[in-house]
């Protein structure tokens, strides 16, 4: 978990003379778990098209419905893959950005020596 503390502008001095602070808590582990879960979804939907002979097994009406479903699922799978990839990328950007801010905060306090 990342925790970043920002000092508010000087005009926000509290009664005790200390500056007001804002804590931003980023649930890094939760975000990482979300990205990992999204990757699992991508692995699950990457199942290849069925090679079953629907015509011989169930006949033309069911075969046509199954092929129609698979055609539509192929299109949906591509869209879902793109959207999942975008979500994973956004999570990675958030984690990287807050890790960098956390590192910079530590360095500014003398922790990076």
PDB file of N, CA and C in Angstrom:
ATOM      1  N   UNK A   1       0.853  -1.160   0.000  1.00  0.00           N
ATOM      2  CA  UNK A   1       0.000   0.000   0.000  1.00  0.00           C
ATOM      3  C   UNK A   1       0.902   1.227   0.000  1.00  0.00           C
ATOM      4  N   UNK A   2       0.550   2.175  -0.844  1.00  0.00           N
ATOM      5  CA  UNK A   2       1.268   3.442  -0.901  1.00  0.00           C
ATOM      6  C   UNK A   2       0.495   4.460  -0.086  1.00  0.00           C
ATOM      7  N   UNK A   3       1.202   5.313   0.617  1.00  0.00           N
ATOM      8  CA  UNK A   3       0.547   6.426   1.299  1.00  0.00           C
ATOM      9  C   UNK A   3       1.345   7.674   0.983  1.00  0.00           C
ATOM     10  N   UNK A   4       0.690   8.633   0.392  1.00  0.00           N
ATOM     11  CA  UNK A   4       1.335   9.876  -0.003  1.00  0.00           C
ATOM     12  C   UNK A   4       0.699  11.003   0.792  1.00  0.00           C
ATOM     13  N   UNK A   5       1.518  11.828   1.420  1.00  0.00           N
ATOM     14  CA  UNK A   5       1.007  12.942   2.213  1.00  0.00           C
ATOM     15  C   UNK A   5       1.391  14.245   1.538  1.00  0.00           C
ATOM     16  N   UNK A   6       0.420  15.093   1.320  1.00  0.00           N
ATOM     17  CA  UNK A   6       0.642  16.390   0.696  1.00  0.00           C
ATOM     18  C   UNK A   6       0.344  17.478   1.716  1.00  0.00           C
ATOM     19  N   UNK A   7       1.238  18.445   1.830  1.00  0.00           N
ATOM     20  CA  UNK A   7       0.965  19.606   2.677  1.00  0.00           C
ATOM     21  C   UNK A   7       0.098  20.564   1.880  1.00  0.00           C
ATOM     22  N   UNK A   8      -0.919  21.063   2.509  1.00  0.00           N
ATOM     23  CA  UNK A   8      -1.805  22.021   1.861  1.00  0.00           C
ATOM     24  C   UNK A   8      -1.104  23.380   1.804  1.00  0.00           C
ATOM     25  N   UNK A   9      -1.590  24.311   1.001  1.00  0.00           N
ATOM     26  CA  UNK A   9      -0.997  25.650   0.949  1.00  0.00           C
ATOM     27  C   UNK A   9      -0.951  26.298   2.330  1.00  0.00           C
ATOM     28  N   UNK A  10      -0.016  27.226   2.519  1.00  0.00           N
ATOM     29  CA  UNK A  10       0.187  27.862   3.823  1.00  0.00           C
ATOM     30  C   UNK A  10      -1.060  28.541   4.366  1.00  0.00           C
ATOM     31  N   UNK A  11      -1.947  28.959   3.513  1.00  0.00           N
ATOM     32  CA  UNK A  11      -3.156  29.630   3.994  1.00  0.00           C
ATOM     33  C   UNK A  11      -4.037  28.692   4.811  1.00  0.00           C
ATOM     34  N   UNK A  12      -3.757  27.387   4.746  1.00  0.00           N
ATOM     35  CA  UNK A  12      -4.552  26.417   5.487  1.00  0.00           C
ATOM     36  C   UNK A  12      -3.867  26.000   6.790  1.00  0.00           C
ATOM     37  N   UNK A  13      -3.293  26.964   7.493  1.00  0.00           N
ATOM     38  CA  UNK A  13      -2.643  26.660   8.763  1.00  0.00           C
ATOM     39  C   UNK A  13      -3.732  26.392   9.797  1.00  0.00           C
ATOM     40  N   UNK A  14      -3.546  25.320  10.556  1.00  0.00           N
ATOM     41  CA  UNK A  14      -4.533  24.960  11.574  1.00  0.00           C
ATOM     42  C   UNK A  14      -4.365  25.833  12.810  1.00  0.00           C
ATOM     43  N   UNK A  15      -5.290  25.721  13.728  1.00  0.00           N
ATOM     44  CA  UNK A  15      -5.241  26.531  14.958  1.00  0.00           C
ATOM     45  C   UNK A  15      -3.960  26.298  15.760  1.00  0.00           C
ATOM     46  N   UNK A  16      -3.454  25.077  15.722  1.00  0.00           N
ATOM     47  CA  UNK A  16      -2.241  24.790  16.496  1.00  0.00           C
ATOM     48  C   UNK A  16      -0.974  25.234  15.764  1.00  0.00           C
ATOM     49  N   UNK A  17      -1.135  25.915  14.619  1.00  0.00           N
ATOM     50  CA  UNK A  17       0.004  26.447  13.886  1.00  0.00           C
ATOM     51  C   UNK A  17       0.623  25.480  12.891  1.00  0.00           C
ATOM     52  N   UNK A  18       0.166  24.234  12.901  1.00  0.00           N
ATOM     53  CA  UNK A  18       0.707  23.250  11.954  1.00  0.00           C
ATOM     54  C   UNK A  18      -0.058  23.331  10.645  1.00  0.00           C
ATOM     55  N   UNK A  19       0.644  22.973   9.577  1.00  0.00           N
ATOM     56  CA  UNK A  19      -0.016  22.974   8.267  1.00  0.00           C
ATOM     57  C   UNK A  19      -0.975  21.794   8.184  1.00  0.00           C
ATOM     58  N   UNK A  20      -2.062  22.022   7.490  1.00  0.00           N
ATOM     59  CA  UNK A  20      -3.010  20.939   7.245  1.00  0.00           C
ATOM     60  C   UNK A  20      -2.388  19.965   6.256  1.00  0.00           C
ATOM     61  N   UNK A  21      -2.747  18.695   6.362  1.00  0.00           N
ATOM     62  CA  UNK A  21      -2.220  17.682   5.445  1.00  0.00           C
ATOM     63  C   UNK A  21      -3.369  16.890   4.847  1.00  0.00           C
ATOM     64  N   UNK A  22      -3.104  16.355   3.685  1.00  0.00           N
ATOM     65  CA  UNK A  22      -4.054  15.451   3.042  1.00  0.00           C
ATOM     66  C   UNK A  22      -3.341  14.134   2.819  1.00  0.00           C
ATOM     67  N   UNK A  23      -3.915  13.077   3.282  1.00  0.00           N
ATOM     68  CA  UNK A  23      -3.341  11.756   3.048  1.00  0.00           C
ATOM     69  C   UNK A  23      -4.087  11.099   1.906  1.00  0.00           C
ATOM     70  N   UNK A  24      -3.334  10.582   0.979  1.00  0.00           N
ATOM     71  CA  UNK A  24      -3.912   9.813  -0.119  1.00  0.00           C
ATOM     72  C   UNK A  24      -3.396   8.396   0.048  1.00  0.00           C
ATOM     73  N   UNK A  25      -4.290   7.484   0.297  1.00  0.00           N
ATOM     74  CA  UNK A  25      -3.897   6.098   0.482  1.00  0.00           C
ATOM     75  C   UNK A  25      -4.260   5.336  -0.784  1.00  0.00           C
ATOM     76  N   UNK A  26      -3.256   4.767  -1.415  1.00  0.00           N
ATOM     77  CA  UNK A  26      -3.459   4.010  -2.646  1.00  0.00           C
ATOM     78  C   UNK A  26      -3.326   2.528  -2.304  1.00  0.00           C
ATOM     79  N   UNK A  27      -4.380   1.763  -2.497  1.00  0.00           N
ATOM     80  CA  UNK A  27      -4.321   0.333  -2.181  1.00  0.00           C
ATOM     81  C   UNK A  27      -3.540  -0.426  -3.261  1.00  0.00           C
ATOM     82  N   UNK A  28      -2.216  -0.314  -3.208  1.00  0.00           N
ATOM     83  CA  UNK A  28      -1.361  -0.905  -4.235  1.00  0.00           C
ATOM     84  C   UNK A  28      -1.582  -2.395  -4.420  1.00  0.00           C
ATOM     85  N   UNK A  29      -1.705  -3.129  -3.311  1.00  0.00           N
ATOM     86  CA  UNK A  29      -1.913  -4.576  -3.415  1.00  0.00           C
ATOM     87  C   UNK A  29      -3.249  -4.888  -4.077  1.00  0.00           C
ATOM     88  N   UNK A  30      -4.273  -4.128  -3.722  1.00  0.00           N
ATOM     89  CA  UNK A  30      -5.592  -4.345  -4.329  1.00  0.00           C
ATOM     90  C   UNK A  30      -5.559  -4.051  -5.825  1.00  0.00           C
ATOM     91  N   UNK A  31      -4.873  -2.976  -6.200  1.00  0.00           N
ATOM     92  CA  UNK A  31      -4.760  -2.656  -7.627  1.00  0.00           C
ATOM     93  C   UNK A  31      -3.994  -3.744  -8.366  1.00  0.00           C
ATOM     94  N   UNK A  32      -2.931  -4.248  -7.746  1.00  0.00           N
ATOM     95  CA  UNK A  32      -2.161  -5.316  -8.384  1.00  0.00           C
ATOM     96  C   UNK A  32      -3.013  -6.574  -8.533  1.00  0.00           C
ATOM     97  N   UNK A  33      -3.807  -6.893  -7.520  1.00  0.00           N
ATOM     98  CA  UNK A  33      -4.706  -8.050  -7.604  1.00  0.00           C
ATOM     99  C   UNK A  33      -5.734  -7.857  -8.707  1.00  0.00           C
ATOM    100  N   UNK A  34      -6.221  -6.636  -8.875  1.00  0.00           N
ATOM    101  CA  UNK A  34      -7.183  -6.356  -9.950  1.00  0.00           C
ATOM    102  C   UNK A  34      -6.537  -6.574 -11.311  1.00  0.00           C
ATOM    103  N   UNK A  35      -5.305  -6.114 -11.476  1.00  0.00           N
ATOM    104  CA  UNK A  35      -4.600  -6.316 -12.746  1.00  0.00           C
ATOM    105  C   UNK A  35      -4.369  -7.800 -12.995  1.00  0.00           C
ATOM    106  N   UNK A  36      -3.994  -8.537 -11.955  1.00  0.00           N
ATOM    107  CA  UNK A  36      -3.776  -9.980 -12.099  1.00  0.00           C
ATOM    108  C   UNK A  36      -5.075 -10.699 -12.456  1.00  0.00           C
ATOM    109  N   UNK A  37      -6.181 -10.292 -11.821  1.00  0.00           N
ATOM    110  CA  UNK A  37      -7.482 -10.893 -12.136  1.00  0.00           C
ATOM    111  C   UNK A  37      -7.872 -10.603 -13.579  1.00  0.00           C
ATOM    112  N   UNK A  38      -7.584  -9.397 -14.044  1.00  0.00           N
ATOM    113  CA  UNK A  38      -7.892  -9.033 -15.431  1.00  0.00           C
ATOM    114  C   UNK A  38      -7.061  -9.878 -16.397  1.00  0.00           C
ATOM    115  N   UNK A  39      -5.810 -10.130 -16.041  1.00  0.00           N
ATOM    116  CA  UNK A  39      -4.971 -10.995 -16.887  1.00  0.00           C
ATOM    117  C   UNK A  39      -5.544 -12.416 -16.940  1.00  0.00           C
ATOM    118  N   UNK A  40      -6.094 -12.888 -15.808  1.00  0.00           N
ATOM    119  CA  UNK A  40      -6.716 -14.215 -15.789  1.00  0.00           C
ATOM    120  C   UNK A  40      -7.948 -14.239 -16.690  1.00  0.00           C
ATOM    121  N   UNK A  41      -8.729 -13.170 -16.684  1.00  0.00           N
ATOM    122  CA  UNK A  41      -9.881 -13.070 -17.587  1.00  0.00           C
ATOM    123  C   UNK A  41      -9.405 -13.185 -19.029  1.00  0.00           C
ATOM    124  N   UNK A  42      -8.332 -12.486 -19.353  1.00  0.00           N
ATOM    125  CA  UNK A  42      -7.806 -12.532 -20.725  1.00  0.00           C
ATOM    126  C   UNK A  42      -7.365 -13.942 -21.105  1.00  0.00           C
ATOM    127  N   UNK A  43      -6.735 -14.650 -20.154  1.00  0.00           N
ATOM    128  CA  UNK A  43      -6.341 -16.042 -20.453  1.00  0.00           C
ATOM    129  C   UNK A  43      -7.573 -16.918 -20.674  1.00  0.00           C
ATOM    130  N   UNK A  44      -8.611 -16.678 -19.881  1.00  0.00           N
ATOM    131  CA  UNK A  44      -9.826 -17.488 -19.977  1.00  0.00           C
ATOM    132  C   UNK A  44     -10.556 -17.262 -21.295  1.00  0.00           C
ATOM    133  N   UNK A  45     -10.629 -16.031 -21.764  1.00  0.00           N
ATOM    134  CA  UNK A  45     -11.381 -15.763 -22.992  1.00  0.00           C
ATOM    135  C   UNK A  45     -10.583 -16.057 -24.247  1.00  0.00           C
ATOM    136  N   UNK A  46      -9.352 -16.478 -24.081  1.00  0.00           N
ATOM    137  CA  UNK A  46      -8.526 -16.760 -25.252  1.00  0.00           C
ATOM    138  C   UNK A  46      -8.741 -18.176 -25.788  1.00  0.00           C
ATOM    139  N   UNK A  47      -9.834 -18.797 -25.405  1.00  0.00           N
ATOM    140  CA  UNK A  47     -10.158 -20.139 -25.883  1.00  0.00           C
ATOM    141  C   UNK A  47     -10.421 -20.073 -27.387  1.00  0.00           C
ATOM    142  N   UNK A  48      -9.883 -21.027 -28.091  1.00  0.00           N
ATOM    143  CA  UNK A  48     -10.029 -21.040 -29.554  1.00  0.00           C
ATOM    144  C   UNK A  48     -11.439 -21.456 -29.967  1.00  0.00           C
ATOM    145  N   UNK A  49     -11.776 -21.108 -31.179  1.00  0.00           N
ATOM    146  CA  UNK A  49     -13.064 -21.456 -31.777  1.00  0.00           C
ATOM    147  C   UNK A  49     -13.235 -22.974 -31.789  1.00  0.00           C
ATOM    148  N   UNK A  50     -14.446 -23.435 -31.557  1.00  0.00           N
ATOM    149  CA  UNK A  50     -14.729 -24.871 -31.513  1.00  0.00           C
ATOM    150  C   UNK A  50     -14.501 -25.516 -32.873  1.00  0.00           C
ATOM    151  N   UNK A  51     -13.955 -26.710 -32.831  1.00  0.00           N
ATOM    152  CA  UNK A  51     -13.766 -27.457 -34.077  1.00  0.00           C
ATOM    153  C   UNK A  51     -14.807 -28.572 -34.207  1.00  0.00           C
ATOM    154  N   UNK A  52     -15.820 -28.539 -33.359  1.00  0.00           N
ATOM    155  CA  UNK A  52     -16.857 -29.574 -33.394  1.00  0.00           C
ATOM    156  C   UNK A  52     -17.627 -29.516 -34.712  1.00  0.00           C
ATOM    157  N   UNK A  53     -18.061 -30.673 -35.159  1.00  0.00           N
ATOM    158  CA  UNK A  53     -18.874 -30.764 -36.371  1.00  0.00           C
ATOM    159  C   UNK A  53     -20.340 -30.678 -35.948  1.00  0.00           C
ATOM    160  N   UNK A  54     -20.833 -29.432 -35.808  1.00  0.00           N
ATOM    161  CA  UNK A  54     -22.196 -29.223 -35.340  1.00  0.00           C
ATOM    162  C   UNK A  54     -23.227 -29.807 -36.295  1.00  0.00           C
ATOM    163  N   UNK A  55     -22.959 -29.769 -37.584  1.00  0.00           N
ATOM    164  CA  UNK A  55     -23.920 -30.266 -38.561  1.00  0.00           C
ATOM    165  C   UNK A  55     -24.185 -31.751 -38.345  1.00  0.00           C
ATOM    166  N   UNK A  56     -23.138 -32.526 -38.149  1.00  0.00           N
ATOM    167  CA  UNK A  56     -23.313 -33.960 -37.964  1.00  0.00           C
ATOM    168  C   UNK A  56     -23.882 -34.263 -36.580  1.00  0.00           C
ATOM    169  N   UNK A  57     -23.503 -33.477 -35.591  1.00  0.00           N
ATOM    170  CA  UNK A  57     -23.917 -33.744 -34.222  1.00  0.00           C
ATOM    171  C   UNK A  57     -25.353 -33.319 -33.944  1.00  0.00           C
ATOM    172  N   UNK A  58     -25.748 -32.118 -34.371  1.00  0.00           N
ATOM    173  CA  UNK A  58     -27.056 -31.592 -33.991  1.00  0.00           C
ATOM    174  C   UNK A  58     -27.912 -31.125 -35.154  1.00  0.00           C
ATOM    175  N   UNK A  59     -27.372 -31.027 -36.319  1.00  0.00           N
ATOM    176  CA  UNK A  59     -28.154 -30.601 -37.475  1.00  0.00           C
ATOM    177  C   UNK A  59     -27.997 -29.122 -37.782  1.00  0.00           C
ATOM    178  N   UNK A  60     -28.469 -28.737 -38.978  1.00  0.00           N
ATOM    179  CA  UNK A  60     -28.271 -27.368 -39.477  1.00  0.00           C
ATOM    180  C   UNK A  60     -28.822 -26.245 -38.595  1.00  0.00           C
ATOM    181  N   UNK A  61     -30.048 -26.335 -38.031  1.00  0.00           N
ATOM    182  CA  UNK A  61     -30.544 -25.184 -37.262  1.00  0.00           C
ATOM    183  C   UNK A  61     -29.662 -24.857 -36.047  1.00  0.00           C
ATOM    184  N   UNK A  62     -29.272 -25.892 -35.321  1.00  0.00           N
ATOM    185  CA  UNK A  62     -28.436 -25.664 -34.142  1.00  0.00           C
ATOM    186  C   UNK A  62     -27.028 -25.265 -34.577  1.00  0.00           C
ATOM    187  N   UNK A  63     -26.537 -25.872 -35.650  1.00  0.00           N
ATOM    188  CA  UNK A  63     -25.215 -25.529 -36.166  1.00  0.00           C
ATOM    189  C   UNK A  63     -25.157 -24.051 -36.524  1.00  0.00           C
ATOM    190  N   UNK A  64     -26.190 -23.576 -37.230  1.00  0.00           N
ATOM    191  CA  UNK A  64     -26.219 -22.167 -37.626  1.00  0.00           C
ATOM    192  C   UNK A  64     -26.221 -21.249 -36.402  1.00  0.00           C
ATOM    193  N   UNK A  65     -27.007 -21.625 -35.398  1.00  0.00           N
ATOM    194  CA  UNK A  65     -27.056 -20.816 -34.174  1.00  0.00           C
ATOM    195  C   UNK A  65     -25.701 -20.833 -33.467  1.00  0.00           C
ATOM    196  N   UNK A  66     -25.071 -22.006 -33.408  1.00  0.00           N
ATOM    197  CA  UNK A  66     -23.763 -22.113 -32.753  1.00  0.00           C
ATOM    198  C   UNK A  66     -22.706 -21.314 -33.507  1.00  0.00           C
ATOM    199  N   UNK A  67     -22.719 -21.394 -34.823  1.00  0.00           N
ATOM    200  CA  UNK A  67     -21.746 -20.636 -35.613  1.00  0.00           C
ATOM    201  C   UNK A  67     -21.987 -19.135 -35.486  1.00  0.00           C
ATOM    202  N   UNK A  68     -23.259 -18.731 -35.459  1.00  0.00           N
ATOM    203  CA  UNK A  68     -23.588 -17.320 -35.263  1.00  0.00           C
ATOM    204  C   UNK A  68     -23.073 -16.842 -33.901  1.00  0.00           C
ATOM    205  N   UNK A  69     -23.299 -17.672 -32.881  1.00  0.00           N
ATOM    206  CA  UNK A  69     -22.808 -17.322 -31.547  1.00  0.00           C
ATOM    207  C   UNK A  69     -21.289 -17.181 -31.559  1.00  0.00           C
ATOM    208  N   UNK A  70     -20.600 -18.141 -32.159  1.00  0.00           N
ATOM    209  CA  UNK A  70     -19.135 -18.095 -32.182  1.00  0.00           C
ATOM    210  C   UNK A  70     -18.620 -16.887 -32.957  1.00  0.00           C
ATOM    211  N   UNK A  71     -19.287 -16.540 -34.054  1.00  0.00           N
ATOM    212  CA  UNK A  71     -18.873 -15.355 -34.814  1.00  0.00           C
ATOM    213  C   UNK A  71     -19.016 -14.089 -33.962  1.00  0.00           C
ATOM    214  N   UNK A  72     -20.152 -13.987 -33.278  1.00  0.00           N
ATOM    215  CA  UNK A  72     -20.379 -12.807 -32.440  1.00  0.00           C
ATOM    216  C   UNK A  72     -19.440 -12.810 -31.235  1.00  0.00           C
ATOM    217  N   UNK A  73     -19.190 -13.992 -30.667  1.00  0.00           N
ATOM    218  CA  UNK A  73     -18.281 -14.087 -29.527  1.00  0.00           C
ATOM    219  C   UNK A  73     -16.861 -13.704 -29.950  1.00  0.00           C
ATOM    220  N   UNK A  74     -16.447 -14.076 -31.152  1.00  0.00           N
ATOM    221  CA  UNK A  74     -15.122 -13.674 -31.641  1.00  0.00           C
ATOM    222  C   UNK A  74     -14.992 -12.155 -31.647  1.00  0.00           C
ATOM    223  N   UNK A  75     -16.017 -11.465 -32.142  1.00  0.00           N
ATOM    224  CA  UNK A  75     -15.990  -9.998 -32.180  1.00  0.00           C
ATOM    225  C   UNK A  75     -15.995  -9.428 -30.759  1.00  0.00           C
ATOM    226  N   UNK A  76     -16.833  -9.989 -29.897  1.00  0.00           N
ATOM    227  CA  UNK A  76     -16.900  -9.531 -28.510  1.00  0.00           C
ATOM    228  C   UNK A  76     -15.611  -9.801 -27.762  1.00  0.00           C
ATOM    229  N   UNK A  77     -15.006 -10.936 -28.033  1.00  0.00           N
ATOM    230  CA  UNK A  77     -13.746 -11.292 -27.377  1.00  0.00           C
ATOM    231  C   UNK A  77     -12.660 -10.279 -27.731  1.00  0.00           C
ATOM    232  N   UNK A  78     -12.617  -9.860 -28.993  1.00  0.00           N
ATOM    233  CA  UNK A  78     -11.618  -8.867 -29.413  1.00  0.00           C
ATOM    234  C   UNK A  78     -11.839  -7.544 -28.684  1.00  0.00           C
ATOM    235  N   UNK A  79     -13.093  -7.124 -28.599  1.00  0.00           N
ATOM    236  CA  UNK A  79     -13.403  -5.877 -27.901  1.00  0.00           C
ATOM    237  C   UNK A  79     -13.061  -6.002 -26.418  1.00  0.00           C
ATOM    238  N   UNK A  80     -13.446  -7.123 -25.811  1.00  0.00           N
ATOM    239  CA  UNK A  80     -13.172  -7.339 -24.393  1.00  0.00           C
ATOM    240  C   UNK A  80     -11.669  -7.370 -24.132  1.00  0.00           C
ATOM    241  N   UNK A  81     -10.919  -8.020 -25.002  1.00  0.00           N
ATOM    242  CA  UNK A  81      -9.461  -8.075 -24.856  1.00  0.00           C
ATOM    243  C   UNK A  81      -8.877  -6.661 -24.891  1.00  0.00           C
ATOM    244  N   UNK A  82      -9.310  -5.848 -25.844  1.00  0.00           N
ATOM    245  CA  UNK A  82      -8.807  -4.473 -25.938  1.00  0.00           C
ATOM    246  C   UNK A  82      -9.137  -3.668 -24.684  1.00  0.00           C
ATOM    247  N   UNK A  83     -10.362  -3.814 -24.190  1.00  0.00           N
ATOM    248  CA  UNK A  83     -10.766  -3.068 -23.003  1.00  0.00           C
ATOM    249  C   UNK A  83     -10.023  -3.550 -21.760  1.00  0.00           C
ATOM    250  N   UNK A  84      -9.833  -4.859 -21.638  1.00  0.00           N
ATOM    251  CA  UNK A  84      -9.068  -5.395 -20.508  1.00  0.00           C
ATOM    252  C   UNK A  84      -7.620  -4.921 -20.565  1.00  0.00           C
ATOM    253  N   UNK A  85      -7.033  -4.940 -21.750  1.00  0.00           N
ATOM    254  CA  UNK A  85      -5.660  -4.444 -21.903  1.00  0.00           C
ATOM    255  C   UNK A  85      -5.561  -2.985 -21.475  1.00  0.00           C
ATOM    256  N   UNK A  86      -6.558  -2.176 -21.831  1.00  0.00           N
ATOM    257  CA  UNK A  86      -6.563  -0.762 -21.442  1.00  0.00           C
ATOM    258  C   UNK A  86      -6.652  -0.605 -19.923  1.00  0.00           C
ATOM    259  N   UNK A  87      -7.482  -1.433 -19.284  1.00  0.00           N
ATOM    260  CA  UNK A  87      -7.627  -1.367 -17.826  1.00  0.00           C
ATOM    261  C   UNK A  87      -6.321  -1.770 -17.147  1.00  0.00           C
ATOM    262  N   UNK A  88      -5.706  -2.848 -17.617  1.00  0.00           N
ATOM    263  CA  UNK A  88      -4.434  -3.294 -17.047  1.00  0.00           C
ATOM    264  C   UNK A  88      -3.378  -2.204 -17.200  1.00  0.00           C
ATOM    265  N   UNK A  89      -3.325  -1.592 -18.367  1.00  0.00           N
ATOM    266  CA  UNK A  89      -2.351  -0.525 -18.605  1.00  0.00           C
ATOM    267  C   UNK A  89      -2.598   0.659 -17.662  1.00  0.00           C
ATOM    268  N   UNK A  90      -3.863   1.018 -17.460  1.00  0.00           N
ATOM    269  CA  UNK A  90      -4.194   2.131 -16.560  1.00  0.00           C
ATOM    270  C   UNK A  90      -3.781   1.808 -15.123  1.00  0.00           C
ATOM    271  N   UNK A  91      -4.029   0.582 -14.678  1.00  0.00           N
ATOM    272  CA  UNK A  91      -3.628   0.178 -13.328  1.00  0.00           C
ATOM    273  C   UNK A  91      -2.111   0.252 -13.195  1.00  0.00           C
ATOM    274  N   UNK A  92      -1.400  -0.247 -14.192  1.00  0.00           N
ATOM    275  CA  UNK A  92       0.066  -0.201 -14.152  1.00  0.00           C
ATOM    276  C   UNK A  92       0.580   1.236 -14.094  1.00  0.00           C
ATOM    277  N   UNK A  93      -0.044   2.135 -14.848  1.00  0.00           N
ATOM    278  CA  UNK A  93       0.361   3.546 -14.835  1.00  0.00           C
ATOM    279  C   UNK A  93       0.131   4.148 -13.447  1.00  0.00           C
ATOM    280  N   UNK A  94      -1.009   3.846 -12.841  1.00  0.00           N
ATOM    281  CA  UNK A  94      -1.316   4.356 -11.501  1.00  0.00           C
ATOM    282  C   UNK A  94      -0.292   3.845 -10.494  1.00  0.00           C
ATOM    283  N   UNK A  95      -0.025   2.541 -10.523  1.00  0.00           N
ATOM    284  CA  UNK A  95       0.939   1.968  -9.586  1.00  0.00           C
ATOM    285  C   UNK A  95       2.326   2.564  -9.778  1.00  0.00           C
ATOM    286  N   UNK A  96       2.755   2.695 -11.024  1.00  0.00           N
ATOM    287  CA  UNK A  96       4.077   3.272 -11.308  1.00  0.00           C
ATOM    288  C   UNK A  96       4.160   4.724 -10.844  1.00  0.00           C
ATOM    289  N   UNK A  97       3.104   5.493 -11.101  1.00  0.00           N
ATOM    290  CA  UNK A  97       3.109   6.908 -10.724  1.00  0.00           C
ATOM    291  C   UNK A  97       3.176   7.074  -9.212  1.00  0.00           C
ATOM    292  N   UNK A  98       2.380   6.307  -8.486  1.00  0.00           N
ATOM    293  CA  UNK A  98       2.405   6.454  -7.040  1.00  0.00           C
ATOM    294  C   UNK A  98       3.668   5.876  -6.429  1.00  0.00           C
ATOM    295  N   UNK A  99       4.240   4.851  -7.028  1.00  0.00           N
ATOM    296  CA  UNK A  99       5.530   4.346  -6.551  1.00  0.00           C
ATOM    297  C   UNK A  99       6.599   5.419  -6.737  1.00  0.00           C
ATOM    298  N   UNK A 100       6.564   6.119  -7.863  1.00  0.00           N
ATOM    299  CA  UNK A 100       7.530   7.193  -8.117  1.00  0.00           C
ATOM    300  C   UNK A 100       7.352   8.330  -7.115  1.00  0.00           C
ATOM    301  N   UNK A 101       6.107   8.712  -6.843  1.00  0.00           N
ATOM    302  CA  UNK A 101       5.844   9.774  -5.864  1.00  0.00           C
ATOM    303  C   UNK A 101       6.311   9.329  -4.482  1.00  0.00           C
ATOM    304  N   UNK A 102       6.043   8.081  -4.141  1.00  0.00           N
ATOM    305  CA  UNK A 102       6.464   7.544  -2.851  1.00  0.00           C
ATOM    306  C   UNK A 102       7.988   7.561  -2.743  1.00  0.00           C
ATOM    307  N   UNK A 103       8.680   7.151  -3.798  1.00  0.00           N
ATOM    308  CA  UNK A 103      10.146   7.170  -3.812  1.00  0.00           C
ATOM    309  C   UNK A 103      10.671   8.591  -3.683  1.00  0.00           C
ATOM    310  N   UNK A 104      10.059   9.522  -4.418  1.00  0.00           N
ATOM    311  CA  UNK A 104      10.494  10.920  -4.360  1.00  0.00           C
ATOM    312  C   UNK A 104      10.275  11.502  -2.969  1.00  0.00           C
ATOM    313  N   UNK A 105       9.162  11.144  -2.351  1.00  0.00           N
ATOM    314  CA  UNK A 105       8.885  11.630  -1.000  1.00  0.00           C
ATOM    315  C   UNK A 105       9.928  11.098  -0.027  1.00  0.00           C
ATOM    316  N   UNK A 106      10.255   9.824  -0.164  1.00  0.00           N
ATOM    317  CA  UNK A 106      11.287   9.230   0.690  1.00  0.00           C
ATOM    318  C   UNK A 106      12.639   9.874   0.466  1.00  0.00           C
ATOM    319  N   UNK A 107      12.976  10.130  -0.797  1.00  0.00           N
ATOM    320  CA  UNK A 107      14.251  10.777  -1.120  1.00  0.00           C
ATOM    321  C   UNK A 107      14.317  12.182  -0.533  1.00  0.00           C
ATOM    322  N   UNK A 108      13.200  12.911  -0.592  1.00  0.00           N
ATOM    323  CA  UNK A 108      13.204  14.286  -0.084  1.00  0.00           C
ATOM    324  C   UNK A 108      13.329  14.324   1.435  1.00  0.00           C
ATOM    325  N   UNK A 109      12.981  13.225   2.086  1.00  0.00           N
ATOM    326  CA  UNK A 109      13.115  13.151   3.540  1.00  0.00           C
ATOM    327  C   UNK A 109      14.446  12.543   3.956  1.00  0.00           C
ATOM    328  N   UNK A 110      15.301  12.268   2.964  1.00  0.00           N
ATOM    329  CA  UNK A 110      16.618  11.721   3.270  1.00  0.00           C
ATOM    330  C   UNK A 110      16.674  10.213   3.242  1.00  0.00           C
ATOM    331  N   UNK A 111      15.608   9.574   2.803  1.00  0.00           N
ATOM    332  CA  UNK A 111      15.588   8.114   2.768  1.00  0.00           C
ATOM    333  C   UNK A 111      16.272   7.524   1.565  1.00  0.00           C
ATOM    334  N   UNK A 112      16.621   8.324   0.571  1.00  0.00           N
ATOM    335  CA  UNK A 112      17.200   7.794  -0.657  1.00  0.00           C
ATOM    336  C   UNK A 112      18.703   7.868  -0.706  1.00  0.00           C
ATOM    337  N   UNK A 113      19.339   8.015   0.430  1.00  0.00           N
ATOM    338  CA  UNK A 113      20.802   8.154   0.452  1.00  0.00           C
ATOM    339  C   UNK A 113      21.485   6.834   0.531  1.00  0.00           C
TER     340      UNK A 113
END
